[in-house]
C-alpha atoms as a PDB file:
ATOM      1  CA  UNK A   1     -26.113  21.889  23.432  1.00  0.00           C
ATOM      2  CA  UNK A   2     -24.476  22.612  20.065  1.00  0.00           C
ATOM      3  CA  UNK A   3     -20.700  22.770  20.306  1.00  0.00           C
ATOM      4  CA  UNK A   4     -18.756  25.672  18.813  1.00  0.00           C
ATOM      5  CA  UNK A   5     -16.640  25.056  15.749  1.00  0.00           C
ATOM      6  CA  UNK A   6     -13.017  24.290  16.534  1.00  0.00           C
ATOM      7  CA  UNK A   7      -9.969  25.095  14.436  1.00  0.00           C
ATOM      8  CA  UNK A   8     -10.266  21.541  13.076  1.00  0.00           C
ATOM      9  CA  UNK A   9     -13.733  22.289  11.684  1.00  0.00           C
ATOM     10  CA  UNK A  10     -12.686  25.646  10.260  1.00  0.00           C
ATOM     11  CA  UNK A  11      -9.678  24.146   8.492  1.00  0.00           C
ATOM     12  CA  UNK A  12     -11.869  21.349   7.104  1.00  0.00           C
ATOM     13  CA  UNK A  13     -14.425  23.794   5.692  1.00  0.00           C
ATOM     14  CA  UNK A  14     -11.734  25.943   4.101  1.00  0.00           C
ATOM     15  CA  UNK A  15     -10.127  22.824   2.630  1.00  0.00           C
ATOM     16  CA  UNK A  16     -13.415  21.529   1.252  1.00  0.00           C
ATOM     17  CA  UNK A  17     -14.238  24.838  -0.433  1.00  0.00           C
ATOM     18  CA  UNK A  18     -10.725  25.009  -1.909  1.00  0.00           C
ATOM     19  CA  UNK A  19     -10.936  21.470  -3.265  1.00  0.00           C
ATOM     20  CA  UNK A  20     -14.359  21.986  -4.870  1.00  0.00           C
ATOM     21  CA  UNK A  21     -13.144  25.198  -6.547  1.00  0.00           C
ATOM     22  CA  UNK A  22     -10.107  23.350  -7.935  1.00  0.00           C
ATOM     23  CA  UNK A  23     -12.353  20.549  -9.241  1.00  0.00           C
ATOM     24  CA  UNK A  24     -14.422  23.109 -11.110  1.00  0.00           C
ATOM     25  CA  UNK A  25     -11.303  24.793 -12.486  1.00  0.00           C
ATOM     26  CA  UNK A  26      -9.980  21.396 -13.563  1.00  0.00           C
ATOM     27  CA  UNK A  27     -13.247  20.604 -15.362  1.00  0.00           C
ATOM     28  CA  UNK A  28     -13.191  23.943 -17.189  1.00  0.00           C
ATOM     29  CA  UNK A  29      -9.485  24.479 -17.922  1.00  0.00           C
ATOM     30  CA  UNK A  30      -8.270  20.896 -18.266  1.00  0.00           C
ATOM     31  CA  UNK A  31      -5.152  19.030 -17.075  1.00  0.00           C
ATOM     32  CA  UNK A  32      -3.265  22.220 -16.192  1.00  0.00           C
ATOM     33  CA  UNK A  33      -4.940  21.845 -12.779  1.00  0.00           C
ATOM     34  CA  UNK A  34      -4.116  18.137 -12.402  1.00  0.00           C
ATOM     35  CA  UNK A  35      -1.320  18.658  -9.881  1.00  0.00           C
ATOM     36  CA  UNK A  36      -3.320  21.100  -7.752  1.00  0.00           C
ATOM     37  CA  UNK A  37      -6.281  18.707  -7.801  1.00  0.00           C
ATOM     38  CA  UNK A  38      -4.165  15.725  -6.791  1.00  0.00           C
ATOM     39  CA  UNK A  39      -2.353  17.480  -3.924  1.00  0.00           C
ATOM     40  CA  UNK A  40      -5.306  19.323  -2.363  1.00  0.00           C
ATOM     41  CA  UNK A  41      -7.748  16.418  -2.649  1.00  0.00           C
ATOM     42  CA  UNK A  42      -5.256  13.909  -1.241  1.00  0.00           C
ATOM     43  CA  UNK A  43      -4.432  16.185   1.718  1.00  0.00           C
ATOM     44  CA  UNK A  44      -8.135  16.681   2.469  1.00  0.00           C
ATOM     45  CA  UNK A  45      -8.777  12.943   2.162  1.00  0.00           C
ATOM     46  CA  UNK A  46      -6.055  12.182   4.724  1.00  0.00           C
ATOM     47  CA  UNK A  47      -7.431  14.942   6.956  1.00  0.00           C
ATOM     48  CA  UNK A  48     -10.890  13.341   6.990  1.00  0.00           C
ATOM     49  CA  UNK A  49      -9.353   9.939   7.630  1.00  0.00           C
ATOM     50  CA  UNK A  50      -7.420  11.196  10.677  1.00  0.00           C
ATOM     51  CA  UNK A  51      -9.870  13.733  12.081  1.00  0.00           C
ATOM     52  CA  UNK A  52     -13.310  12.531  10.901  1.00  0.00           C
ATOM     53  CA  UNK A  53     -14.499  11.763  14.430  1.00  0.00           C
ATOM     54  CA  UNK A  54     -13.505  15.243  15.640  1.00  0.00           C
ATOM     55  CA  UNK A  55     -14.882  17.020  12.544  1.00  0.00           C
ATOM     56  CA  UNK A  56     -18.363  15.498  12.686  1.00  0.00           C
ATOM     57  CA  UNK A  57     -18.677  15.701  16.470  1.00  0.00           C
ATOM     58  CA  UNK A  58     -17.170  19.219  16.672  1.00  0.00           C
ATOM     59  CA  UNK A  59     -14.485  18.134  19.103  1.00  0.00           C
ATOM     60  CA  UNK A  60     -10.791  18.767  19.584  1.00  0.00           C
ATOM     61  CA  UNK A  61      -8.433  15.952  20.652  1.00  0.00           C
ATOM     62  CA  UNK A  62      -7.762  17.665  23.989  1.00  0.00           C
ATOM     63  CA  UNK A  63     -11.505  17.851  24.720  1.00  0.00           C
ATOM     64  CA  UNK A  64     -11.387  14.129  25.489  1.00  0.00           C
ATOM     65  CA  UNK A  65      -9.344  14.904  28.587  1.00  0.00           C
ATOM     66  CA  UNK A  66     -12.478  16.295  30.240  1.00  0.00           C
ATOM     67  CA  UNK A  67     -14.643  13.616  31.777  1.00  0.00           C
ATOM     68  CA  UNK A  68     -17.964  15.434  31.294  1.00  0.00           C
ATOM     69  CA  UNK A  69     -17.301  15.752  27.542  1.00  0.00           C
ATOM     70  CA  UNK A  70     -16.396  12.084  27.234  1.00  0.00           C
ATOM     71  CA  UNK A  71     -19.585  11.112  29.034  1.00  0.00           C
ATOM     72  CA  UNK A  72     -21.684  13.265  26.690  1.00  0.00           C
ATOM     73  CA  UNK A  73     -20.507  11.274  23.643  1.00  0.00           C
ATOM     74  CA  UNK A  74     -22.490   8.094  23.055  1.00  0.00           C
ATOM     75  CA  UNK A  75     -21.269   4.993  21.254  1.00  0.00           C
ATOM     76  CA  UNK A  76     -23.294   5.790  18.124  1.00  0.00           C
ATOM     77  CA  UNK A  77     -21.556   9.155  17.761  1.00  0.00           C
ATOM     78  CA  UNK A  78     -18.141   7.548  18.194  1.00  0.00           C
ATOM     79  CA  UNK A  79     -18.638   4.743  15.648  1.00  0.00           C
ATOM     80  CA  UNK A  80     -20.486   6.779  13.042  1.00  0.00           C
ATOM     81  CA  UNK A  81     -18.133   9.748  13.442  1.00  0.00           C
ATOM     82  CA  UNK A  82     -15.166   7.534  12.585  1.00  0.00           C
ATOM     83  CA  UNK A  83     -17.022   5.853   9.700  1.00  0.00           C
ATOM     84  CA  UNK A  84     -18.086   9.231   8.321  1.00  0.00           C
ATOM     85  CA  UNK A  85     -14.449  10.298   8.098  1.00  0.00           C
ATOM     86  CA  UNK A  86     -13.445   7.031   6.404  1.00  0.00           C
ATOM     87  CA  UNK A  87     -16.273   7.170   3.847  1.00  0.00           C
ATOM     88  CA  UNK A  88     -15.749  10.836   2.966  1.00  0.00           C
ATOM     89  CA  UNK A  89     -12.024  10.106   2.587  1.00  0.00           C
ATOM     90  CA  UNK A  90     -12.793   7.168   0.290  1.00  0.00           C
ATOM     91  CA  UNK A  91     -15.157   9.331  -1.756  1.00  0.00           C
ATOM     92  CA  UNK A  92     -12.456  11.958  -2.275  1.00  0.00           C
ATOM     93  CA  UNK A  93      -9.978   9.327  -3.493  1.00  0.00           C
ATOM     94  CA  UNK A  94     -12.606   7.956  -5.887  1.00  0.00           C
ATOM     95  CA  UNK A  95     -13.137  11.447  -7.304  1.00  0.00           C
ATOM     96  CA  UNK A  96      -9.381  11.716  -7.933  1.00  0.00           C
ATOM     97  CA  UNK A  97      -9.629   8.447  -9.888  1.00  0.00           C
ATOM     98  CA  UNK A  98     -12.589   9.850 -11.793  1.00  0.00           C
ATOM     99  CA  UNK A  99     -10.662  12.923 -12.930  1.00  0.00           C
ATOM    100  CA  UNK A 100      -7.389  11.140 -13.668  1.00  0.00           C
ATOM    101  CA  UNK A 101      -8.970   8.033 -15.230  1.00  0.00           C
ATOM    102  CA  UNK A 102      -6.491   5.669 -13.603  1.00  0.00           C
ATOM    103  CA  UNK A 103      -6.794   1.924 -14.349  1.00  0.00           C
ATOM    104  CA  UNK A 104      -9.782   0.529 -12.436  1.00  0.00           C
ATOM    105  CA  UNK A 105     -11.458   3.939 -12.253  1.00  0.00           C
ATOM    106  CA  UNK A 106     -14.975   2.646 -12.909  1.00  0.00           C
ATOM    107  CA  UNK A 107     -14.639  -0.029 -10.209  1.00  0.00           C
ATOM    108  CA  UNK A 108     -13.334   2.440  -7.607  1.00  0.00           C
ATOM    109  CA  UNK A 109     -16.011   5.038  -8.429  1.00  0.00           C
ATOM    110  CA  UNK A 110     -18.798   2.436  -8.420  1.00  0.00           C
ATOM    111  CA  UNK A 111     -17.795   0.921  -5.068  1.00  0.00           C
ATOM    112  CA  UNK A 112     -17.431   4.371  -3.469  1.00  0.00           C
ATOM    113  CA  UNK A 113     -20.816   5.530  -4.780  1.00  0.00           C
ATOM    114  CA  UNK A 114     -22.550   2.400  -3.468  1.00  0.00           C
ATOM    115  CA  UNK A 115     -20.869   2.662  -0.040  1.00  0.00           C
ATOM    116  CA  UNK A 116     -21.769   6.369   0.201  1.00  0.00           C
ATOM    117  CA  UNK A 117     -25.414   5.700  -0.702  1.00  0.00           C
ATOM    118  CA  UNK A 118     -25.759   2.705   1.626  1.00  0.00           C
ATOM    119  CA  UNK A 119     -24.189   4.425   4.631  1.00  0.00           C
ATOM    120  CA  UNK A 120     -26.227   7.596   4.097  1.00  0.00           C
ATOM    121  CA  UNK A 121     -29.381   5.492   3.765  1.00  0.00           C
ATOM    122  CA  UNK A 122     -28.498   3.666   6.991  1.00  0.00           C
ATOM    123  CA  UNK A 123     -28.155   6.958   8.882  1.00  0.00           C
ATOM    124  CA  UNK A 124     -31.484   8.213   7.524  1.00  0.00           C
ATOM    125  CA  UNK A 125     -33.248   5.012   8.633  1.00  0.00           C
ATOM    126  CA  UNK A 126     -31.660   5.192  12.102  1.00  0.00           C
ATOM    127  CA  UNK A 127     -32.809   8.814  12.470  1.00  0.00           C
ATOM    128  CA  UNK A 128     -36.346   7.874  11.404  1.00  0.00           C
ATOM    129  CA  UNK A 129     -36.474   5.074  13.974  1.00  0.00           C
ATOM    130  CA  UNK A 130     -34.761   7.092  16.708  1.00  0.00           C
ATOM    131  CA  UNK A 131     -36.219  10.594  16.590  1.00  0.00           C
ATOM    132  CA  UNK A 132     -33.477  12.106  18.751  1.00  0.00           C
ATOM    133  CA  UNK A 133     -31.529  14.913  17.135  1.00  0.00           C
ATOM    134  CA  UNK A 134     -28.104  13.823  15.935  1.00  0.00           C
ATOM    135  CA  UNK A 135     -26.337  17.027  14.783  1.00  0.00           C
ATOM    136  CA  UNK A 136     -23.275  15.143  13.599  1.00  0.00           C
ATOM    137  CA  UNK A 137     -25.466  13.259  11.085  1.00  0.00           C
ATOM    138  CA  UNK A 138     -26.678  16.547   9.616  1.00  0.00           C
ATOM    139  CA  UNK A 139     -23.077  17.707   9.215  1.00  0.00           C
ATOM    140  CA  UNK A 140     -22.329  14.455   7.370  1.00  0.00           C
ATOM    141  CA  UNK A 141     -25.350  14.826   5.056  1.00  0.00           C
ATOM    142  CA  UNK A 142     -24.143  18.231   3.846  1.00  0.00           C
ATOM    143  CA  UNK A 143     -20.702  16.925   2.944  1.00  0.00           C
ATOM    144  CA  UNK A 144     -21.941  13.612   1.554  1.00  0.00           C
ATOM    145  CA  UNK A 145     -24.474  15.447  -0.605  1.00  0.00           C
ATOM    146  CA  UNK A 146     -21.890  17.835  -2.036  1.00  0.00           C
ATOM    147  CA  UNK A 147     -19.270  15.163  -2.746  1.00  0.00           C
ATOM    148  CA  UNK A 148     -21.937  12.694  -3.832  1.00  0.00           C
ATOM    149  CA  UNK A 149     -23.004  15.008  -6.671  1.00  0.00           C
ATOM    150  CA  UNK A 150     -19.483  14.943  -8.131  1.00  0.00           C
ATOM    151  CA  UNK A 151     -19.113  11.213  -7.550  1.00  0.00           C
ATOM    152  CA  UNK A 152     -22.464  10.349  -9.120  1.00  0.00           C
ATOM    153  CA  UNK A 153     -21.655  12.484 -12.160  1.00  0.00           C
ATOM    154  CA  UNK A 154     -18.403  10.576 -12.598  1.00  0.00           C
ATOM    155  CA  UNK A 155     -20.317   7.320 -12.123  1.00  0.00           C
ATOM    156  CA  UNK A 156     -23.296   7.995 -14.384  1.00  0.00           C
ATOM    157  CA  UNK A 157     -21.853  10.075 -17.229  1.00  0.00           C
ATOM    158  CA  UNK A 158     -20.710   7.788 -20.091  1.00  0.00           C
ATOM    159  CA  UNK A 159     -16.953   7.349 -20.464  1.00  0.00           C
ATOM    160  CA  UNK A 160     -16.783   8.981 -23.896  1.00  0.00           C
ATOM    161  CA  UNK A 161     -18.604  12.055 -22.575  1.00  0.00           C
ATOM    162  CA  UNK A 162     -16.298  12.315 -19.554  1.00  0.00           C
ATOM    163  CA  UNK A 163     -13.253  12.081 -21.797  1.00  0.00           C
ATOM    164  CA  UNK A 164     -14.656  14.777 -24.060  1.00  0.00           C
ATOM    165  CA  UNK A 165     -15.255  17.123 -21.114  1.00  0.00           C
ATOM    166  CA  UNK A 166     -12.083  16.461 -19.101  1.00  0.00           C
ATOM    167  CA  UNK A 167      -9.639  16.018 -22.013  1.00  0.00           C
ATOM    168  CA  UNK A 168     -11.275  18.013 -24.785  1.00  0.00           C
ATOM    169  CA  UNK A 169      -7.956  19.388 -26.057  1.00  0.00           C
ATOM    170  CA  UNK A 170      -6.226  16.003 -26.014  1.00  0.00           C
ATOM    171  CA  UNK A 171      -7.714  13.744 -28.714  1.00  0.00           C
ATOM    172  CA  UNK A 172      -4.661  11.459 -28.660  1.00  0.00           C
ATOM    173  CA  UNK A 173      -5.162  10.736 -24.969  1.00  0.00           C
ATOM    174  CA  UNK A 174      -8.875  10.092 -25.502  1.00  0.00           C
ATOM    175  CA  UNK A 175      -8.142   7.642 -28.300  1.00  0.00           C
ATOM    176  CA  UNK A 176      -5.423   5.906 -26.277  1.00  0.00           C
ATOM    177  CA  UNK A 177      -7.696   5.538 -23.257  1.00  0.00           C
ATOM    178  CA  UNK A 178     -10.566   4.086 -25.307  1.00  0.00           C
ATOM    179  CA  UNK A 179      -8.142   1.654 -26.926  1.00  0.00           C
ATOM    180  CA  UNK A 180      -6.878   0.636 -23.468  1.00  0.00           C
ATOM    181  CA  UNK A 181     -10.431   0.127 -22.140  1.00  0.00           C
ATOM    182  CA  UNK A 182     -11.262  -2.068 -25.120  1.00  0.00           C
ATOM    183  CA  UNK A 183      -7.975  -4.025 -24.834  1.00  0.00           C
ATOM    184  CA  UNK A 184      -6.834  -3.837 -21.176  1.00  0.00           C
ATOM    185  CA  UNK A 185      -4.355  -6.714 -21.599  1.00  0.00           C
ATOM    186  CA  UNK A 186      -2.722  -5.382 -24.746  1.00  0.00           C
ATOM    187  CA  UNK A 187       0.850  -4.254 -24.014  1.00  0.00           C
ATOM    188  CA  UNK A 188       0.812  -1.834 -26.941  1.00  0.00           C
ATOM    189  CA  UNK A 189      -2.389  -0.164 -25.694  1.00  0.00           C
ATOM    190  CA  UNK A 190      -0.985   0.059 -22.144  1.00  0.00           C
ATOM    191  CA  UNK A 191       2.276   1.616 -23.335  1.00  0.00           C
ATOM    192  CA  UNK A 192       0.468   4.053 -25.616  1.00  0.00           C
ATOM    193  CA  UNK A 193      -1.717   5.212 -22.719  1.00  0.00           C
ATOM    194  CA  UNK A 194       1.351   5.638 -20.505  1.00  0.00           C
ATOM    195  CA  UNK A 195       3.033   7.754 -23.175  1.00  0.00           C
ATOM    196  CA  UNK A 196      -0.025   9.976 -23.576  1.00  0.00           C
ATOM    197  CA  UNK A 197      -0.545  10.306 -19.809  1.00  0.00           C
ATOM    198  CA  UNK A 198       3.095  11.344 -19.332  1.00  0.00           C
ATOM    199  CA  UNK A 199       2.299  14.575 -21.196  1.00  0.00           C
ATOM    200  CA  UNK A 200       0.374  15.815 -18.163  1.00  0.00           C
ATOM    201  CA  UNK A 201       3.259  15.427 -15.681  1.00  0.00           C
END
């Protein structure tokens, strides 16, 4: 039987919608939305990390007091529910890196995209082998698909194009970042990038 949404699920949905809207505003209007993006995305990432199991299994912490509810949760739902929260949290952090272009951005985004794809593929294969309905997997697919679109765009779009879109009104920052990427060990390039990035604080 499908469980009703708890306050945890409702808060998560509201948070996810809010974060996606802020991402879109950040892409359109530029770094003016940097602070809002950083705060809301970080809070949602921590929320998934702490409550992923409850979100994807539509449970509340106090539901675990009831023996019949505990017995209805199998080991697969427990392990994958926790992993779903961790992976969605990691994806959100990678998207923050993608917008902010922190050092190591491409590595973080690449690792997160690969982990997201591999874990999603694993769940699909398990569902093909075991035909039983796993509603919590379907809830994960919706969120992974939505966040995966943003992550894959940040992964696949060339760096120069991303800089042009995200920092179109800041040619000095774009030039400083390209110089840093080409000379990551150059102290002058590092300091120049720091100076340009400080404009957004």
